[in-house]
Protein backbone atom coordinates (compact mmCIF):
# COMPACT_ATOMS: atom_id res chain seq x y z
CA MET A 1 3.27 37.21 -25.17
CA LEU A 2 3.35 33.54 -26.13
CA LYS A 3 6.99 33.50 -25.08
CA VAL A 4 5.93 34.62 -21.60
CA LEU A 5 3.10 32.09 -21.31
CA PHE A 6 5.32 29.21 -22.37
CA SER A 7 8.42 30.10 -20.42
CA ARG A 8 10.00 27.37 -18.33
CA ARG A 9 8.61 28.82 -15.09
CA MET A 10 5.08 29.20 -16.45
CA LEU A 11 5.11 25.71 -17.92
CA ALA A 12 5.83 24.39 -14.43
CA PHE A 13 2.78 26.26 -13.10
CA HIS A 14 0.62 25.01 -15.96
CA ALA A 15 1.64 21.41 -15.21
CA LEU A 16 0.95 21.88 -11.50
CA VAL A 17 -2.56 23.18 -12.15
CA VAL A 18 -3.29 20.38 -14.65
CA LEU A 19 -2.32 17.84 -11.98
CA LEU A 20 -3.90 19.44 -8.91
CA VAL A 21 -7.29 20.54 -10.19
CA PRO A 22 -8.46 17.10 -11.42
CA ALA A 23 -7.07 15.55 -8.22
CA PHE A 24 -9.01 18.00 -6.04
CA ILE A 25 -12.20 17.38 -8.01
CA TRP A 26 -11.76 13.59 -7.67
CA LEU A 27 -11.15 13.89 -3.93
CA GLY A 28 -14.33 15.92 -3.60
CA PHE A 29 -16.42 13.22 -5.29
CA TRP A 30 -14.66 10.56 -3.19
CA GLN A 31 -15.63 12.36 0.02
CA LEU A 32 -19.16 12.79 -1.29
CA ASP A 33 -19.37 9.04 -1.88
CA ARG A 34 -18.13 8.41 1.67
CA ALA A 35 -20.80 10.76 2.97
CA GLY A 36 -23.42 8.68 1.17
CA GLN A 37 -22.03 5.45 2.63
CA ARG A 38 -22.02 6.86 6.13
CA ALA A 39 -25.54 8.17 5.76
CA SER A 40 -26.64 4.68 4.68
CA ALA A 41 -24.92 3.19 7.75
CA VAL A 42 -26.75 5.66 10.00
CA ASP A 43 -30.09 4.73 8.44
CA LEU A 44 -29.32 1.01 8.72
CA GLN A 45 -28.36 1.24 12.39
CA ARG A 46 -31.40 3.28 13.34
CA GLY A 47 -33.74 1.01 11.41
CA ASN A 48 -32.32 -2.21 12.86
CA LEU A 49 -32.34 -0.89 16.42
CA ALA A 50 -35.98 0.06 16.03
CA ALA A 51 -36.97 -3.33 14.55
CA GLU A 52 -38.71 -6.02 16.57
CA PRO A 53 -36.43 -8.57 18.32
CA VAL A 54 -35.94 -11.90 16.53
CA ALA A 55 -34.59 -15.28 17.59
CA VAL A 56 -30.90 -15.69 16.84
CA ASP A 57 -31.47 -18.68 14.55
CA GLU A 58 -33.67 -16.56 12.27
CA ILE A 59 -30.85 -14.31 11.07
CA ALA A 60 -27.67 -16.19 12.02
CA SER A 61 -26.40 -19.62 11.12
CA VAL A 62 -23.38 -21.85 11.53
CA ASP A 63 -22.54 -22.23 7.86
CA GLU A 64 -23.05 -18.71 6.48
CA PRO A 65 -21.68 -15.35 7.59
CA VAL A 66 -24.01 -12.84 9.18
CA SER A 67 -25.31 -10.30 6.68
CA ARG A 68 -24.05 -6.79 7.26
CA ASP A 69 -27.63 -5.65 6.71
CA ASP A 70 -28.58 -7.44 9.95
CA ARG A 71 -25.98 -5.74 12.12
CA TRP A 72 -27.46 -4.12 15.26
CA ARG A 73 -30.64 -6.18 15.03
CA THR A 74 -31.93 -7.12 18.46
CA ILE A 75 -31.69 -10.89 18.86
CA GLU A 76 -32.90 -13.24 21.58
CA ALA A 77 -31.36 -16.50 22.70
CA THR A 78 -32.01 -19.08 25.44
CA GLY A 79 -29.45 -21.49 26.82
CA THR A 80 -26.78 -22.08 29.46
CA TRP A 81 -23.48 -20.32 30.01
CA ASP A 82 -20.20 -22.07 29.19
CA THR A 83 -17.64 -20.37 31.45
CA ASP A 84 -15.06 -23.08 30.77
CA HIS A 85 -14.37 -21.42 27.42
CA GLN A 86 -14.73 -17.84 28.62
CA LEU A 87 -12.28 -15.26 27.23
CA LEU A 88 -11.27 -11.66 27.84
CA LEU A 89 -10.96 -9.08 25.07
CA ARG A 90 -8.05 -6.75 25.71
CA ASN A 91 -7.88 -2.95 25.41
CA ARG A 92 -11.61 -2.28 25.47
CA ASP A 93 -13.12 1.04 26.53
CA GLY A 94 -15.58 1.48 29.37
CA SER A 95 -16.89 4.31 31.49
CA GLN A 96 -13.82 4.11 33.73
CA GLY A 97 -11.14 3.75 31.09
CA VAL A 98 -9.46 0.88 29.30
CA GLY A 99 -10.15 -2.62 30.55
CA PHE A 100 -11.54 -5.91 29.25
CA HIS A 101 -14.72 -7.16 27.63
CA VAL A 102 -15.93 -10.53 28.84
CA LEU A 103 -16.70 -12.96 26.00
CA THR A 104 -18.67 -15.98 27.21
CA PRO A 105 -20.26 -18.63 24.98
CA LEU A 106 -23.91 -19.48 25.46
CA ILE A 107 -24.93 -23.03 24.54
CA THR A 108 -28.42 -22.66 23.09
CA GLU A 109 -31.18 -25.22 23.47
CA ASP A 110 -30.29 -27.02 20.22
CA GLY A 111 -26.61 -27.32 21.20
CA THR A 112 -25.30 -24.50 18.99
CA GLY A 113 -23.03 -21.97 20.65
CA LEU A 114 -23.43 -18.20 20.56
CA LEU A 115 -20.57 -15.90 21.51
CA VAL A 116 -21.81 -13.22 23.91
CA ASN A 117 -19.99 -10.04 24.85
CA ARG A 118 -21.21 -9.65 28.43
CA GLY A 119 -19.64 -6.22 28.87
CA TRP A 120 -16.73 -4.28 30.36
CA ILE A 121 -14.70 -4.94 33.50
CA GLU A 122 -11.70 -3.20 34.99
CA ARG A 123 -8.25 -4.60 34.39
CA GLY A 124 -5.97 -5.85 37.15
CA GLU A 125 -2.89 -4.20 38.59
CA THR A 126 -1.21 -4.41 35.18
CA ALA A 127 -2.39 -5.16 31.64
CA GLN A 128 -0.93 -8.65 31.99
CA ASP A 129 -3.07 -9.53 35.00
CA THR A 130 -6.32 -11.44 34.62
CA PRO A 131 -8.96 -9.66 36.72
CA GLU A 132 -11.76 -11.35 38.59
CA ILE A 133 -14.72 -11.99 36.31
CA PRO A 134 -18.29 -11.66 37.60
CA GLU A 135 -20.04 -15.01 37.86
CA VAL A 136 -23.01 -16.05 35.76
CA PRO A 137 -26.28 -17.64 36.92
CA GLU A 138 -26.52 -21.41 36.75
CA GLY A 139 -29.15 -23.06 34.65
CA THR A 140 -31.12 -21.66 31.75
CA VAL A 141 -30.96 -17.96 30.97
CA GLU A 142 -32.77 -15.79 28.45
CA LEU A 143 -30.64 -13.17 26.73
CA THR A 144 -31.30 -10.10 24.62
CA GLY A 145 -28.64 -8.19 22.73
CA ARG A 146 -27.41 -6.56 19.55
CA LEU A 147 -26.11 -8.74 16.73
CA GLN A 148 -22.61 -7.86 15.58
CA ILE A 149 -20.47 -9.22 12.76
CA GLY A 150 -17.26 -11.03 13.64
CA GLU A 151 -14.14 -8.95 14.12
CA THR A 152 -11.13 -9.34 11.85
CA GLU A 153 -7.88 -7.48 11.37
CA GLU A 154 -9.36 -5.92 8.22
CA ASN A 155 -12.55 -4.49 9.73
CA THR A 156 -11.06 -3.40 13.07
CA GLY A 157 -7.48 -2.44 12.32
CA LEU A 158 -6.44 -4.52 15.33
CA HIS A 159 -3.91 -7.30 15.05
CA GLY A 160 -3.68 -10.56 16.92
CA ARG A 161 -0.72 -10.87 19.25
CA ASP A 162 1.30 -13.80 20.46
CA GLY A 163 2.42 -14.19 24.04
CA LEU A 164 -0.79 -12.91 25.64
CA PRO A 165 -1.79 -14.25 29.06
CA GLU A 166 -3.93 -17.37 28.90
CA GLY A 167 -7.58 -16.62 28.26
CA GLN A 168 -6.95 -13.18 26.72
CA ILE A 169 -7.43 -12.29 23.03
CA MET A 170 -7.49 -9.15 20.92
CA ILE A 171 -10.50 -9.58 18.59
CA VAL A 172 -13.64 -11.70 18.24
CA ASP A 173 -12.45 -13.73 15.26
CA VAL A 174 -15.41 -16.11 15.03
CA GLU A 175 -13.81 -18.40 12.46
CA GLU A 176 -10.69 -18.84 14.58
CA LEU A 177 -12.62 -19.28 17.83
CA SER A 178 -14.93 -21.89 16.28
CA ASP A 179 -11.93 -24.21 15.87
CA GLU A 180 -11.29 -24.07 19.62
CA LEU A 181 -14.81 -24.85 20.80
CA PRO A 182 -16.27 -28.37 21.13
CA TYR A 183 -19.59 -27.39 19.51
CA PRO A 184 -20.67 -25.44 16.42
CA ILE A 185 -21.24 -21.72 16.88
CA TYR A 186 -23.29 -19.10 15.13
CA ASP A 187 -21.45 -16.60 12.99
CA GLY A 188 -21.26 -13.15 14.52
CA TYR A 189 -21.76 -12.49 18.20
CA MET A 190 -24.14 -10.78 20.62
CA GLU A 191 -23.56 -7.58 22.56
CA LEU A 192 -25.58 -8.26 25.68
CA THR A 193 -28.22 -5.70 26.67
CA GLY A 194 -30.47 -7.77 28.96
CA GLN A 195 -30.61 -11.13 30.76
CA ASP A 196 -33.06 -13.08 32.86
CA PRO A 197 -32.27 -14.06 35.52
CA ALA A 198 -29.68 -11.33 36.10
CA PRO A 199 -26.68 -12.07 38.33
CA GLU A 200 -25.91 -9.95 41.36
CA PHE A 201 -22.83 -8.45 39.74
CA VAL A 202 -22.78 -7.82 36.01
CA PRO A 203 -20.14 -6.35 33.71
CA GLU A 204 -20.91 -2.91 32.35
CA TYR A 205 -22.93 -3.39 29.18
CA VAL A 206 -21.15 -2.29 26.00
CA GLU A 207 -22.22 1.22 25.07
CA LEU A 208 -23.82 1.57 21.67
CA ARG A 209 -21.59 3.48 19.29
CA GLU A 210 -23.93 5.41 17.07
CA GLU A 211 -22.96 5.70 13.44
CA ASP A 212 -22.18 9.23 12.32
CA SER A 213 -22.38 10.68 8.83
CA GLY A 214 -19.29 12.68 9.77
CA MET A 215 -17.82 15.61 7.91
CA SER A 216 -17.38 13.94 4.53
CA ALA A 217 -19.88 16.19 2.76
CA SER A 218 -18.17 19.35 4.01
CA TYR A 219 -14.78 17.87 3.08
CA ALA A 220 -16.08 17.35 -0.45
CA VAL A 221 -17.02 21.03 -0.69
CA GLN A 222 -13.58 22.00 0.65
CA TRP A 223 -11.78 20.01 -2.03
CA TRP A 224 -13.88 21.65 -4.73
CA VAL A 225 -13.16 25.08 -3.25
CA PHE A 226 -9.44 24.24 -3.42
CA SER A 227 -9.81 23.44 -7.12
CA VAL A 228 -11.54 26.78 -7.77
CA VAL A 229 -8.86 28.63 -5.81
CA ALA A 230 -6.14 26.87 -7.83
CA VAL A 231 -7.75 27.92 -11.12
CA ILE A 232 -8.24 31.52 -9.95
CA GLY A 233 -4.65 31.70 -8.73
CA TRP A 234 -3.45 30.35 -12.04
CA ILE A 235 -5.40 33.01 -13.95
CA VAL A 236 -4.13 35.77 -11.65
CA LEU A 237 -0.56 34.61 -12.17
CA ILE A 238 -0.95 34.60 -15.96
CA ARG A 239 -2.39 38.11 -15.96
CA ARG A 240 0.41 39.36 -13.72
CA GLU A 241 3.08 37.83 -15.94
CA LEU A 242 1.51 39.39 -19.05
CA ARG A 243 1.22 42.77 -17.35
CA ASP A 244 4.85 42.70 -16.26
CA ALA A 245 5.95 41.71 -19.77
CA ARG A 246 3.98 44.57 -21.35
CA GLN A 247 5.45 47.00 -18.82
CA GLU A 248 9.00 45.88 -19.60
CA ASP A 249 8.34 46.22 -23.34
CA SER A 250 6.97 49.74 -22.82
CA GLU A 251 9.97 50.83 -20.77
CA GLY A 252 12.33 49.41 -23.42
CA ASP A 253 10.59 51.36 -26.20
CA GLY A 254 10.82 54.55 -24.17
CA ALA A 255 14.54 54.14 -23.64
CA LEU A 256 15.13 53.72 -27.38
CA THR A 257 13.12 56.86 -28.17
CA ASN A 258 15.07 59.01 -25.71
CA GLY A 259 18.38 57.86 -27.17
CA ASP A 260 17.47 59.03 -30.73
CA THR A 261 16.67 62.72 -29.90
CA GLY A 262 20.37 63.93 -29.98
CA GLY A 263 20.72 63.63 -33.78
CA GLY A 264 24.17 62.99 -35.36
CA PRO A 265 27.61 64.56 -34.65
CA ALA A 266 27.85 67.84 -32.73
CA GLY A 267 28.73 69.83 -35.82
CA GLU A 268 25.68 68.66 -37.69
CA ALA A 269 23.47 69.39 -34.73
CA SER A 270 24.56 73.05 -34.52
CA GLY A 271 24.43 73.66 -38.24
CA VAL A 272 27.80 75.48 -38.19
CA ASP A 273 30.62 74.65 -40.57
CA GLU A 274 33.85 73.56 -38.89
CA GLU A 275 35.82 76.12 -40.90
CA GLU A 276 33.62 78.91 -39.59
CA GLN A 277 34.46 77.92 -36.04
CA VAL A 278 38.18 78.65 -36.57
CA PRO A 279 38.99 82.32 -35.71
CA ARG A 280 40.61 84.36 -38.50
CA THR A 281 43.81 86.26 -37.79
CA ARG A 282 44.02 89.87 -38.97
CA THR A 283 47.10 90.95 -40.88
């Protein structure tokens, strides 16, 4: 039986199970960890959205990056719009499809800039066209919005592109944009949710994307089920191989037994002397 269990074919199956089962178990724990991370993100978003609004300078600064723990906090800012440095974010979703987000700096009362995503507008005839952008009120405005961390290629999966039409960009890279503005700016940016006074025509406010715990927990269970199935299949295969080997051995023993029942030569089997088988002639 050991010869059967350690045949070349069975050794290949043993190696496959040794590799797959630990991998499936690890993938299950990895998905479980992702489920925990997503659940934490859901709790953070809900808690920050429910928190009281704070002034932007209380949780954002020029010199330090915005804490991820402050994402989605409602912030307030007062200042004047700077449309001379206004930009359009390409390939952004809205209720009517893909268009642009309008990114306009707000110069706050102390002279520090705050990047504000005013919302979605339709694109022009083609993606290369620059559509008409709704105007902003003159003078001082009071804004309310959600704080967001700056966008990078790493946290968005989007990549900057050369050759874009003037005034159009792909991501809100705060560090890069700060080099192009004539005043210091806060890290992060605001997704606008309210303004006073409000203009006659406003871009469509950016819809909140609620965090979702997703299916990671169920995926973890699935990976563990795969590992159990692999072990059960391995055991079933071993038992089948042993059963077939025993059956072959039994059939071989039976064949040998049937071959021995005829005895020796024909003369010995009949018990008659050869001389007695020769007829005698009468004289």
